[in-house]
N, C-alpha and C. Protein backbone atom coordinates (compact mmCIF):
# COMPACT_ATOMS: atom_id res chain seq x y z
N MET A 1 0.40 -1.02 -0.53
CA MET A 1 -0.75 -0.01 0.01
C MET A 1 0.69 1.05 0.21
N ALA A 2 0.81 2.28 -0.90
CA ALA A 2 1.12 3.89 -0.99
C ALA A 2 0.79 3.93 -0.02
N ALA A 3 1.69 5.21 0.62
CA ALA A 3 1.80 5.93 1.21
C ALA A 3 1.14 7.32 1.01
N SER A 4 -0.10 7.44 2.29
CA SER A 4 -0.50 8.46 1.93
C SER A 4 0.50 10.03 1.22
N PRO A 5 0.29 10.08 -0.03
CA PRO A 5 0.62 12.06 0.58
C PRO A 5 0.51 12.45 1.16
N ILE A 6 1.34 13.19 1.51
CA ILE A 6 1.77 14.85 2.65
C ILE A 6 0.64 15.43 2.52
N VAL A 7 -0.20 15.95 3.48
CA VAL A 7 -0.11 17.55 2.66
C VAL A 7 -0.58 18.64 3.31
N THR A 8 -0.76 20.23 2.58
CA THR A 8 0.46 20.94 2.74
C THR A 8 0.06 21.85 4.01
N ALA A 9 -1.28 21.89 5.51
CA ALA A 9 -1.29 21.61 6.46
C ALA A 9 -0.16 20.64 7.62
N ASP A 10 0.18 19.71 6.35
CA ASP A 10 1.55 18.96 7.49
C ASP A 10 2.73 18.99 7.90
N ILE A 11 2.54 19.69 6.40
CA ILE A 11 4.19 20.16 5.40
C ILE A 11 4.33 22.07 6.95
N SER A 12 2.64 22.64 6.83
CA SER A 12 3.45 23.72 6.93
C SER A 12 3.56 23.77 9.10
N GLU A 13 2.55 21.98 10.10
CA GLU A 13 3.09 22.30 11.21
C GLU A 13 5.26 21.47 10.98
N GLU A 14 5.18 20.79 10.17
CA GLU A 14 6.56 20.92 10.38
C GLU A 14 7.52 21.58 10.57
N PHE A 15 7.51 22.76 8.92
CA PHE A 15 7.60 24.52 9.30
C PHE A 15 7.42 25.19 10.51
N ILE A 16 6.68 25.01 10.82
CA ILE A 16 7.09 25.27 12.33
C ILE A 16 7.14 24.92 13.35
N ARG A 17 7.60 23.90 13.59
CA ARG A 17 7.59 22.26 14.49
C ARG A 17 9.47 22.81 14.65
N ALA A 18 9.61 22.95 13.14
CA ALA A 18 11.42 23.36 13.31
C ALA A 18 11.97 24.53 13.88
N ALA A 19 10.94 25.64 13.42
CA ALA A 19 11.20 26.93 13.66
C ALA A 19 11.00 27.26 14.93
N VAL A 20 10.19 26.30 15.65
CA VAL A 20 10.17 26.67 17.22
C VAL A 20 11.24 25.20 18.11
N ASP A 21 12.04 24.82 17.57
CA ASP A 21 12.63 23.31 18.18
C ASP A 21 14.14 25.00 17.74
N GLY A 22 14.27 25.54 16.77
CA GLY A 22 15.21 25.50 16.68
C GLY A 22 15.89 25.46 15.62
N SER A 23 15.32 24.70 14.82
CA SER A 23 16.13 23.96 13.81
C SER A 23 15.18 24.65 12.55
N PRO A 24 15.09 25.38 12.39
CA PRO A 24 14.46 26.12 10.55
C PRO A 24 14.30 25.74 10.03
N VAL A 25 13.20 25.71 9.07
CA VAL A 25 14.03 24.67 8.38
C VAL A 25 13.66 25.97 6.38
N THR A 26 14.10 25.60 5.71
CA THR A 26 13.75 27.03 4.06
C THR A 26 12.43 25.62 3.04
N LEU A 27 11.80 26.92 2.99
CA LEU A 27 10.56 26.12 1.78
C LEU A 27 11.42 26.08 0.68
N LYS A 28 12.55 26.02 0.66
CA LYS A 28 12.66 25.37 -0.59
C LYS A 28 14.11 23.91 -0.64
N GLU A 29 14.06 23.80 1.35
CA GLU A 29 14.07 22.09 2.00
C GLU A 29 12.79 21.38 1.40
N LEU A 30 12.23 21.96 2.05
CA LEU A 30 10.47 21.45 2.46
C LEU A 30 9.82 20.92 0.31
N ALA A 31 10.41 21.41 -0.01
CA ALA A 31 9.41 21.50 -1.16
C ALA A 31 10.51 20.40 -1.62
N ILE A 32 11.49 20.42 -1.04
CA ILE A 32 12.49 18.97 -2.36
C ILE A 32 12.11 18.11 -1.13
N ARG A 33 11.70 17.86 0.02
CA ARG A 33 11.82 17.16 1.05
C ARG A 33 10.53 16.00 0.52
N HIS A 34 9.37 16.68 -0.06
CA HIS A 34 8.38 16.63 0.20
C HIS A 34 7.89 16.63 -1.29
N ARG A 35 8.84 16.96 -2.61
CA ARG A 35 8.59 16.80 -4.00
C ARG A 35 6.91 17.88 -4.12
N ARG A 36 7.27 18.92 -3.51
CA ARG A 36 6.14 19.34 -3.87
C ARG A 36 7.64 21.22 -4.84
N SER A 37 6.23 22.11 -5.15
CA SER A 37 6.60 23.36 -6.07
C SER A 37 7.27 23.42 -5.19
N TYR A 38 8.44 24.00 -6.07
CA TYR A 38 8.88 26.07 -4.81
C TYR A 38 7.43 26.45 -4.29
N PRO A 39 7.09 27.13 -5.95
CA PRO A 39 6.69 28.45 -5.84
C PRO A 39 5.10 28.38 -5.16
N ALA A 40 4.22 27.00 -5.25
CA ALA A 40 3.04 26.81 -4.68
C ALA A 40 3.71 27.00 -3.65
N LEU A 41 4.61 25.64 -2.84
CA LEU A 41 4.51 26.15 -1.65
C LEU A 41 5.12 27.79 -0.44
N ARG A 42 5.77 28.08 -1.59
CA ARG A 42 6.30 29.16 -1.32
C ARG A 42 4.54 30.01 -1.12
N LYS A 43 3.06 30.94 -1.91
CA LYS A 43 1.95 30.67 -2.40
C LYS A 43 1.84 29.92 -0.22
N ALA A 44 1.41 28.74 -0.29
CA ALA A 44 0.59 28.39 0.06
C ALA A 44 1.15 29.05 2.10
N ALA A 45 2.83 29.13 1.36
CA ALA A 45 2.67 29.69 3.40
C ALA A 45 2.88 30.93 3.07
N SER A 46 2.93 31.76 3.08
CA SER A 46 2.85 33.49 2.60
C SER A 46 1.25 33.67 3.25
N GLU A 47 0.29 32.70 2.29
CA GLU A 47 -1.30 32.70 2.68
C GLU A 47 -1.54 32.48 3.44
N GLY A 48 -0.87 31.94 4.54
CA GLY A 48 -1.13 30.70 5.54
C GLY A 48 -0.28 31.23 6.87
N LYS A 49 0.63 32.18 5.83
CA LYS A 49 1.22 32.73 7.64
C LYS A 49 2.27 31.70 8.25
N TRP A 50 2.66 31.24 7.48
CA TRP A 50 3.57 30.10 7.98
C TRP A 50 4.59 31.03 9.07
N SER A 51 4.80 31.42 8.40
CA SER A 51 6.70 32.29 9.30
C SER A 51 6.07 33.46 10.76
N ASP A 52 4.53 33.77 10.48
CA ASP A 52 3.96 34.36 11.55
C ASP A 52 3.74 33.36 12.72
N LYS A 53 3.16 32.25 11.85
CA LYS A 53 2.58 31.67 13.07
C LYS A 53 3.65 30.90 14.16
N ALA A 54 5.12 30.74 13.51
CA ALA A 54 6.54 30.39 13.76
C ALA A 54 6.56 31.22 14.13
N VAL A 55 6.85 32.30 14.48
CA VAL A 55 7.44 33.04 15.78
C VAL A 55 6.38 32.96 16.89
N ILE A 56 4.84 33.08 16.42
CA ILE A 56 4.02 33.42 18.33
C ILE A 56 4.23 32.28 18.47
N ALA A 57 4.82 31.27 18.33
CA ALA A 57 4.44 29.63 18.43
C ALA A 57 5.72 29.32 19.31
N ARG A 58 7.17 30.49 18.38
CA ARG A 58 8.41 30.84 19.56
C ARG A 58 8.20 31.26 20.40
N ALA A 59 7.03 32.44 20.53
CA ALA A 59 7.01 33.72 21.64
C ALA A 59 6.42 32.74 22.48
N GLU A 60 4.94 31.95 22.44
CA GLU A 60 4.63 30.88 23.16
C GLU A 60 4.96 29.65 23.85
N ARG A 61 6.16 28.89 23.30
CA ARG A 61 7.31 28.41 23.68
C ARG A 61 8.19 29.26 24.62
N ASP A 62 8.37 30.33 24.29
CA ASP A 62 9.80 31.34 25.90
C ASP A 62 8.64 31.64 26.76
N ALA A 63 7.66 31.69 26.69
CA ALA A 63 6.85 32.99 27.65
C ALA A 63 6.51 31.57 28.50
N ALA A 64 6.21 30.19 27.94
CA ALA A 64 6.18 28.81 29.20
C ALA A 64 7.07 28.52 29.33
N ILE A 65 8.59 28.60 28.84
CA ILE A 65 9.69 28.05 29.55
C ILE A 65 9.75 28.93 31.21
N GLY A 66 9.58 30.20 30.06
CA GLY A 66 9.89 31.27 31.37
C GLY A 66 9.27 31.60 32.67
N GLU A 67 8.89 31.30 32.39
CA GLU A 67 6.06 30.79 33.53
C GLU A 67 7.39 29.80 34.00
N ARG A 68 7.88 28.92 33.30
CA ARG A 68 8.88 27.34 34.30
C ARG A 68 9.85 27.76 35.22
N ILE A 69 10.45 28.56 34.37
CA ILE A 69 11.80 29.45 34.90
C ILE A 69 11.91 29.89 36.80
N ALA A 70 10.09 31.02 35.81
CA ALA A 70 9.55 31.91 36.84
C ALA A 70 9.44 30.92 38.43
N GLN A 71 8.89 29.98 38.03
CA GLN A 71 7.95 28.77 39.17
C GLN A 71 9.37 28.70 39.78
N ARG A 72 10.09 27.92 39.05
CA ARG A 72 11.46 27.37 39.92
C ARG A 72 12.73 28.30 41.16
N ASN A 73 12.85 29.94 39.97
CA ASN A 73 13.22 30.23 41.03
C ASN A 73 12.86 30.94 42.25
N SER A 74 11.47 30.72 41.72
CA SER A 74 10.85 31.48 43.27
C SER A 74 10.58 30.96 44.07
N LEU A 75 10.70 29.05 44.02
CA LEU A 75 10.64 28.46 44.38
C LEU A 75 11.45 28.33 45.46
N THR A 76 12.58 28.95 44.94
CA THR A 76 14.26 28.30 45.04
C THR A 76 14.58 29.71 46.26
N GLN A 77 14.00 30.22 46.05
CA GLN A 77 14.03 31.65 46.63
C GLN A 77 13.20 31.05 47.80
N SER A 78 12.77 30.72 47.79
CA SER A 78 11.43 31.01 49.32
C SER A 78 12.20 29.64 50.09
N LEU A 79 12.94 28.29 49.63
CA LEU A 79 13.24 27.40 50.35
C LEU A 79 14.48 28.02 50.49
N MET A 80 15.65 29.04 50.42
CA MET A 80 16.80 29.34 50.84
C MET A 80 16.09 29.97 51.28
N GLU A 81 15.03 31.62 51.35
CA GLU A 81 14.79 32.10 52.84
C GLU A 81 14.17 31.95 54.35
N GLN A 82 13.76 30.90 54.02
CA GLN A 82 13.19 29.27 54.80
C GLN A 82 15.03 28.69 55.81
N ALA A 83 15.75 28.36 55.13
CA ALA A 83 16.35 27.99 55.35
C ALA A 83 17.57 29.05 56.48
N ILE A 84 17.98 30.21 55.28
CA ILE A 84 18.76 31.44 56.07
C ILE A 84 18.03 31.90 57.61
N GLY A 85 16.99 32.03 57.28
CA GLY A 85 16.23 32.76 58.37
C GLY A 85 16.34 30.88 59.70
N ARG A 86 15.62 29.70 59.40
CA ARG A 86 16.30 28.94 60.37
C ARG A 86 17.26 29.20 60.92
N GLU A 87 18.54 29.64 59.59
CA GLU A 87 19.88 29.22 60.95
C GLU A 87 19.78 30.24 61.46
N ILE A 88 19.40 31.74 61.08
CA ILE A 88 19.67 32.62 61.85
C ILE A 88 19.07 32.45 63.76
N ASP A 89 17.89 31.96 63.16
CA ASP A 89 16.93 31.68 64.52
C ASP A 89 17.93 30.81 65.51
N ILE A 90 18.79 29.77 64.26
CA ILE A 90 19.52 28.73 65.93
C ILE A 90 20.95 29.31 66.13
N ARG A 91 21.16 30.68 64.98
CA ARG A 91 22.44 31.16 66.53
C ARG A 91 22.86 31.99 66.85
N LEU A 92 21.56 32.61 66.42
CA LEU A 92 21.06 33.83 67.89
C LEU A 92 20.41 32.83 68.76
N ARG A 93 19.89 31.86 68.91
CA ARG A 93 20.30 31.26 70.75
C ARG A 93 21.21 30.64 70.63
N HIS A 94 21.89 29.74 70.02
CA HIS A 94 23.59 29.32 70.84
C HIS A 94 24.15 30.78 70.99
N ALA A 95 23.70 31.60 70.40
CA ALA A 95 24.82 32.98 71.20
C ALA A 95 23.96 33.52 72.55
N LEU A 96 22.97 33.67 72.26
CA LEU A 96 21.77 33.13 73.34
C LEU A 96 21.93 32.51 74.77
N ILE A 97 21.86 31.74 74.94
CA ILE A 97 22.78 31.12 75.47
C ILE A 97 24.40 30.71 75.60
N ALA A 98 25.20 31.46 74.60
CA ALA A 98 26.70 30.91 75.64
C ALA A 98 26.91 32.48 76.24
N ARG A 99 26.16 33.36 75.99
CA ARG A 99 26.31 34.53 76.64
C ARG A 99 25.30 34.24 77.94
N ALA A 100 24.22 33.79 78.63
CA ALA A 100 23.94 33.85 79.68
C ALA A 100 25.21 32.06 80.11
N LEU A 101 25.53 31.48 79.78
CA LEU A 101 27.03 30.38 80.43
C LEU A 101 28.01 31.16 80.43
N GLN A 102 28.51 32.38 80.00
CA GLN A 102 29.37 33.59 79.96
C GLN A 102 28.85 34.00 81.48
N GLN A 103 27.63 34.40 81.90
CA GLN A 103 27.66 35.09 82.66
C GLN A 103 27.09 35.01 84.33
N ILE A 104 26.61 33.63 83.88
CA ILE A 104 26.08 32.33 85.22
C ILE A 104 28.20 32.41 85.85
N ALA A 105 29.04 31.85 84.84
CA ALA A 105 29.85 31.69 84.61
C ALA A 105 30.94 32.65 85.36
N LEU A 106 30.52 34.48 84.86
CA LEU A 106 30.87 35.85 85.39
C LEU A 106 30.64 35.59 87.65
N GLU A 107 28.84 35.38 87.54
CA GLU A 107 28.62 35.29 88.96
C GLU A 107 29.15 34.08 89.84
N ARG A 108 28.93 33.27 89.37
CA ARG A 108 29.63 32.28 90.04
C ARG A 108 30.64 32.62 90.37
N LEU A 109 32.06 32.38 89.70
CA LEU A 109 33.14 33.18 89.30
C LEU A 109 33.59 34.37 90.79
N ALA A 110 32.24 35.36 91.09
CA ALA A 110 32.65 36.61 91.70
C ALA A 110 32.14 36.10 93.23
N GLU A 111 31.61 35.08 92.66
CA GLU A 111 30.70 34.99 94.48
C GLU A 111 32.11 33.66 94.80
N LEU A 112 32.80 32.91 94.53
CA LEU A 112 33.54 31.74 94.64
C LEU A 112 34.44 32.66 95.47
N ASP A 113 34.99 31.43 97.02
CA ASP A 113 36.01 31.95 97.55
C ASP A 113 37.66 30.47 96.69
N PRO A 114 37.95 32.20 96.63
CA PRO A 114 39.18 31.66 95.71
C PRO A 114 39.74 30.04 95.68
N SER A 115 39.24 29.75 97.39
CA SER A 115 40.15 27.72 96.56
C SER A 115 39.27 27.17 96.58
N GLU A 116 38.52 27.46 96.79
CA GLU A 116 36.73 26.68 95.80
C GLU A 116 37.68 26.21 94.66
N LEU A 117 37.40 27.17 93.32
CA LEU A 117 38.25 27.28 91.92
C LEU A 117 39.85 27.40 91.97
N SER A 118 39.89 26.52 90.84
CA SER A 118 41.25 27.88 90.82
C SER A 118 41.20 28.50 89.56
N ALA A 119 42.09 29.39 88.94
CA ALA A 119 42.55 30.80 88.11
C ALA A 119 42.32 30.04 86.90
N SER A 120 43.07 28.28 86.21
CA SER A 120 43.08 28.35 85.02
C SER A 120 41.74 27.49 84.90
N MET A 121 40.62 27.02 86.06
CA MET A 121 40.06 26.73 85.64
C MET A 121 38.62 27.55 85.21
N ALA A 122 38.82 29.01 86.37
CA ALA A 122 38.04 29.98 85.59
C ALA A 122 38.35 29.82 84.28
N VAL A 123 39.53 30.30 83.98
CA VAL A 123 40.00 31.05 82.36
C VAL A 123 38.92 30.00 81.46
N SER A 124 39.26 28.78 81.62
CA SER A 124 38.85 27.74 80.75
C SER A 124 37.60 27.89 81.73
N LEU A 125 37.00 28.35 82.07
CA LEU A 125 35.92 28.23 81.56
C LEU A 125 34.61 29.33 80.89
N MET A 126 35.59 30.50 81.07
CA MET A 126 35.69 31.94 80.08
C MET A 126 36.10 31.25 78.83
N ARG A 127 36.65 30.69 78.70
CA ARG A 127 37.00 30.50 76.98
C ARG A 127 36.05 29.67 76.47
N THR A 128 35.68 28.64 77.17
CA THR A 128 34.46 27.82 76.47
C THR A 128 33.02 29.07 76.28
N GLY A 129 32.70 29.36 77.18
CA GLY A 129 32.45 30.09 76.83
C GLY A 129 32.45 31.57 75.91
N ILE A 130 33.08 32.00 75.35
CA ILE A 130 33.70 32.76 75.16
C ILE A 130 34.05 32.30 73.17
N GLU A 131 35.06 31.42 73.67
CA GLU A 131 34.49 30.08 72.34
C GLU A 131 33.33 29.70 71.39
N GLU A 132 32.10 29.25 72.36
CA GLU A 132 31.08 29.05 71.85
C GLU A 132 30.05 29.82 71.07
N GLU A 133 30.33 31.24 72.40
CA GLU A 133 29.94 32.67 71.67
C GLU A 133 29.82 33.08 70.03
N ARG A 134 31.26 32.68 69.77
CA ARG A 134 31.84 33.24 68.06
C ARG A 134 31.34 32.16 67.35
N ILE A 135 31.71 30.87 67.94
CA ILE A 135 31.42 29.66 66.47
C ILE A 135 29.15 30.12 66.86
N ALA A 136 28.85 29.95 67.89
CA ALA A 136 27.24 30.92 67.14
C ALA A 136 26.97 32.28 66.61
N LEU A 137 27.97 32.76 66.31
CA LEU A 137 28.06 34.17 65.56
C LEU A 137 28.44 33.60 64.73
N GLY A 138 29.05 32.94 64.12
CA GLY A 138 29.32 33.00 62.85
C GLY A 138 30.94 33.74 62.65
N LEU A 139 31.96 33.95 64.04
CA LEU A 139 32.79 33.90 64.30
C LEU A 139 34.31 33.31 64.41
N ALA A 140 33.92 32.21 65.12
CA ALA A 140 34.58 31.47 65.22
C ALA A 140 36.21 31.63 64.42
N ASN A 141 35.99 30.76 62.99
CA ASN A 141 37.39 31.09 62.26
C ASN A 141 37.28 32.45 61.37
N VAL A 142 37.08 33.93 61.99
CA VAL A 142 37.46 34.64 60.77
C VAL A 142 38.38 35.72 61.76
N ASN A 143 38.94 35.54 63.04
CA ASN A 143 39.52 35.92 64.55
C ASN A 143 39.48 35.53 65.07
N ASN A 144 40.12 35.11 65.61
CA ASN A 144 41.34 34.06 66.52
C ASN A 144 41.94 34.92 67.58
N ASN A 145 41.62 36.68 67.56
CA ASN A 145 42.28 37.06 68.24
C ASN A 145 41.18 38.37 69.33
N ILE A 146 41.06 37.55 70.29
CA ILE A 146 39.49 37.88 71.07
C ILE A 146 40.02 39.67 71.08
N CYS A 147 41.44 40.07 71.71
CA CYS A 147 42.06 41.45 71.87
C CYS A 147 41.50 42.32 70.78
N GLU A 148 41.73 41.95 69.87
CA GLU A 148 41.94 43.22 68.54
C GLU A 148 40.26 44.17 69.14
N SER A 149 40.43 45.03 69.43
CA SER A 149 39.28 45.86 69.48
C SER A 149 38.13 45.76 67.83
N GLY A 150 36.81 46.06 67.82
CA GLY A 150 36.24 45.82 66.34
C GLY A 150 34.64 45.43 67.24
N LYS A 151 33.71 45.89 66.08
CA LYS A 151 32.41 46.08 66.76
C LYS A 151 32.27 44.84 66.92
N ASP A 152 32.49 43.99 66.63
CA ASP A 152 31.94 42.04 65.98
C ASP A 152 32.46 42.31 67.75
N ASP A 153 33.68 42.05 68.41
CA ASP A 153 34.60 41.41 69.22
C ASP A 153 34.21 42.79 70.64
N GLU A 154 33.83 44.01 70.14
CA GLU A 154 33.26 44.42 72.16
C GLU A 154 32.76 43.38 73.42
N ALA A 155 31.57 43.30 72.90
CA ALA A 155 31.06 42.19 73.68
C ALA A 155 31.96 40.86 74.03
N LEU A 156 32.98 40.21 73.49
CA LEU A 156 33.82 39.79 73.63
C LEU A 156 35.29 39.96 74.50
N ARG A 157 35.01 41.32 74.25
CA ARG A 157 36.37 42.09 74.47
C ARG A 157 35.98 42.58 76.33
N LYS A 158 34.31 42.76 76.35
CA LYS A 158 34.41 43.20 77.64
C LYS A 158 33.85 41.97 78.37
N ALA A 159 33.60 41.13 78.60
CA ALA A 159 34.02 39.94 78.58
C ALA A 159 35.05 39.49 79.25
N VAL A 160 36.00 39.27 78.83
CA VAL A 160 37.35 39.08 78.91
C VAL A 160 37.84 39.94 79.97
N GLU A 161 37.94 40.65 79.81
CA GLU A 161 38.10 42.22 81.10
C GLU A 161 37.44 42.31 82.21
N GLN A 162 35.55 41.16 82.25
CA GLN A 162 34.89 41.04 83.67
C GLN A 162 36.17 40.07 83.86
N ALA A 163 36.07 39.33 83.75
CA ALA A 163 36.86 37.63 83.78
C ALA A 163 38.10 38.24 84.47
N THR A 164 38.60 38.74 83.67
CA THR A 164 39.93 38.68 84.24
C THR A 164 40.22 40.19 85.80
N ALA A 165 39.82 41.06 86.07
CA ALA A 165 39.27 41.49 87.02
C ALA A 165 38.62 40.56 88.25
N ILE A 166 37.58 39.33 87.49
CA ILE A 166 37.88 38.19 88.56
C ILE A 166 39.52 37.55 89.54
N LEU A 167 39.76 37.10 88.15
CA LEU A 167 40.95 36.64 88.24
C LEU A 167 42.11 37.17 88.85
N ARG A 168 42.18 39.39 88.32
CA ARG A 168 42.91 39.55 89.41
C ARG A 168 42.24 39.79 90.79
N LYS A 169 41.08 40.22 91.37
CA LYS A 169 41.30 40.56 92.77
C LYS A 169 40.96 39.50 93.54
N HIS A 170 40.73 37.56 92.84
CA HIS A 170 41.08 36.26 93.23
C HIS A 170 42.87 36.13 93.62
N SER A 171 43.38 36.67 92.41
CA SER A 171 45.02 36.16 92.60
C SER A 171 45.65 37.15 94.35
N ILE A 172 44.98 38.45 93.89
CA ILE A 172 45.79 39.50 95.40
C ILE A 172 44.70 38.71 96.47
N ARG A 173 43.84 38.16 96.69
CA ARG A 173 43.83 38.21 98.59
C ARG A 173 44.14 36.21 98.55
N LEU A 174 44.64 35.34 97.21
CA LEU A 174 44.97 34.38 97.83
C LEU A 174 47.60 34.93 97.76
N GLY A 175 46.76 35.39 97.18
CA GLY A 175 48.85 36.71 97.47
C GLY A 175 49.69 36.33 96.39
N GLN A 176 48.32 35.95 95.38
CA GLN A 176 48.91 35.01 93.94
C GLN A 176 49.55 37.20 93.59
N GLN A 177 50.43 35.77 92.57
CA GLN A 177 50.80 37.79 91.14
C GLN A 177 49.95 38.22 90.40
N PRO A 178 49.12 38.97 90.17
CA PRO A 178 48.16 38.89 89.16
C PRO A 178 48.43 38.79 88.25
N PRO A 179 47.48 38.95 87.04
CA PRO A 179 48.42 38.91 84.90
C PRO A 179 49.31 40.54 84.67
N ALA A 180 50.35 40.59 84.45
CA ALA A 180 50.34 41.95 84.35
C ALA A 180 49.74 42.00 83.31
N GLU A 181 49.65 41.37 82.37
CA GLU A 181 49.18 41.57 81.21
C GLU A 181 48.14 40.88 80.86
N MET A 182 46.91 41.85 80.11
CA MET A 182 46.05 41.18 79.04
C MET A 182 46.31 41.76 77.42
N CYS A 183 46.28 40.90 76.31
CA CYS A 183 45.78 41.48 74.69
C CYS A 183 47.25 42.71 74.62
N GLY A 184 47.64 42.61 75.52
CA GLY A 184 49.21 43.55 75.19
C GLY A 184 48.63 44.78 75.63
N GLU A 185 47.92 45.00 76.87
CA GLU A 185 47.75 46.55 77.13
C GLU A 185 47.97 45.66 78.96
N PRO A 186 48.56 46.85 80.09
CA PRO A 186 49.13 46.38 81.29
C PRO A 186 47.68 46.56 82.07
N LEU A 187 47.22 45.92 83.14
CA LEU A 187 45.98 45.38 83.52
C LEU A 187 46.65 46.28 84.77
N GLU A 188 45.66 46.79 85.62
CA GLU A 188 46.12 47.82 86.94
C GLU A 188 44.36 46.83 88.56
N THR A 189 45.80 46.68 89.35
CA THR A 189 45.07 46.00 90.48
C THR A 189 44.04 47.17 91.02
N ARG A 190 43.10 46.64 91.09
CA ARG A 190 42.06 47.18 91.71
C ARG A 190 42.05 47.07 93.44
């Protein structure tokens, strides 16, 4: 059985589909491929506005792709915002806990009889609190010198100064020599 001859509407669809797919085909190529008269095919394409239909079909395809990309981008953006929000909440909560632990340690150290706690234990407690706060705030690897002044390190500097004052107070009571300096600055005895 012989294949049914292709009709002009099928050739029109092929022309438009090829243009939309990004590999346009010329009317001359289609005429040769389908054994049609080039002038007759050109006339049919002109009357049927195949080129206009191809432009419209490409625009519709591009609009659909743009819409899918926009939907994916808005979903991705929303997910990233949620993840960032959760991370910020966690970091703030951890920073608050670390600060509370530092405050508890400072209050406890101020109340302790020096014989109950060694100076190295007090320094260790303070250092742990400071390190945990820096980790929670994302400053752990930013600057390892807590003595540098800067707006991010001001709370740390204050905590170190408070701990130093407590250590100085206890070392004087115990008859030990207080630390001579911290962070490159001489310490005053109170």
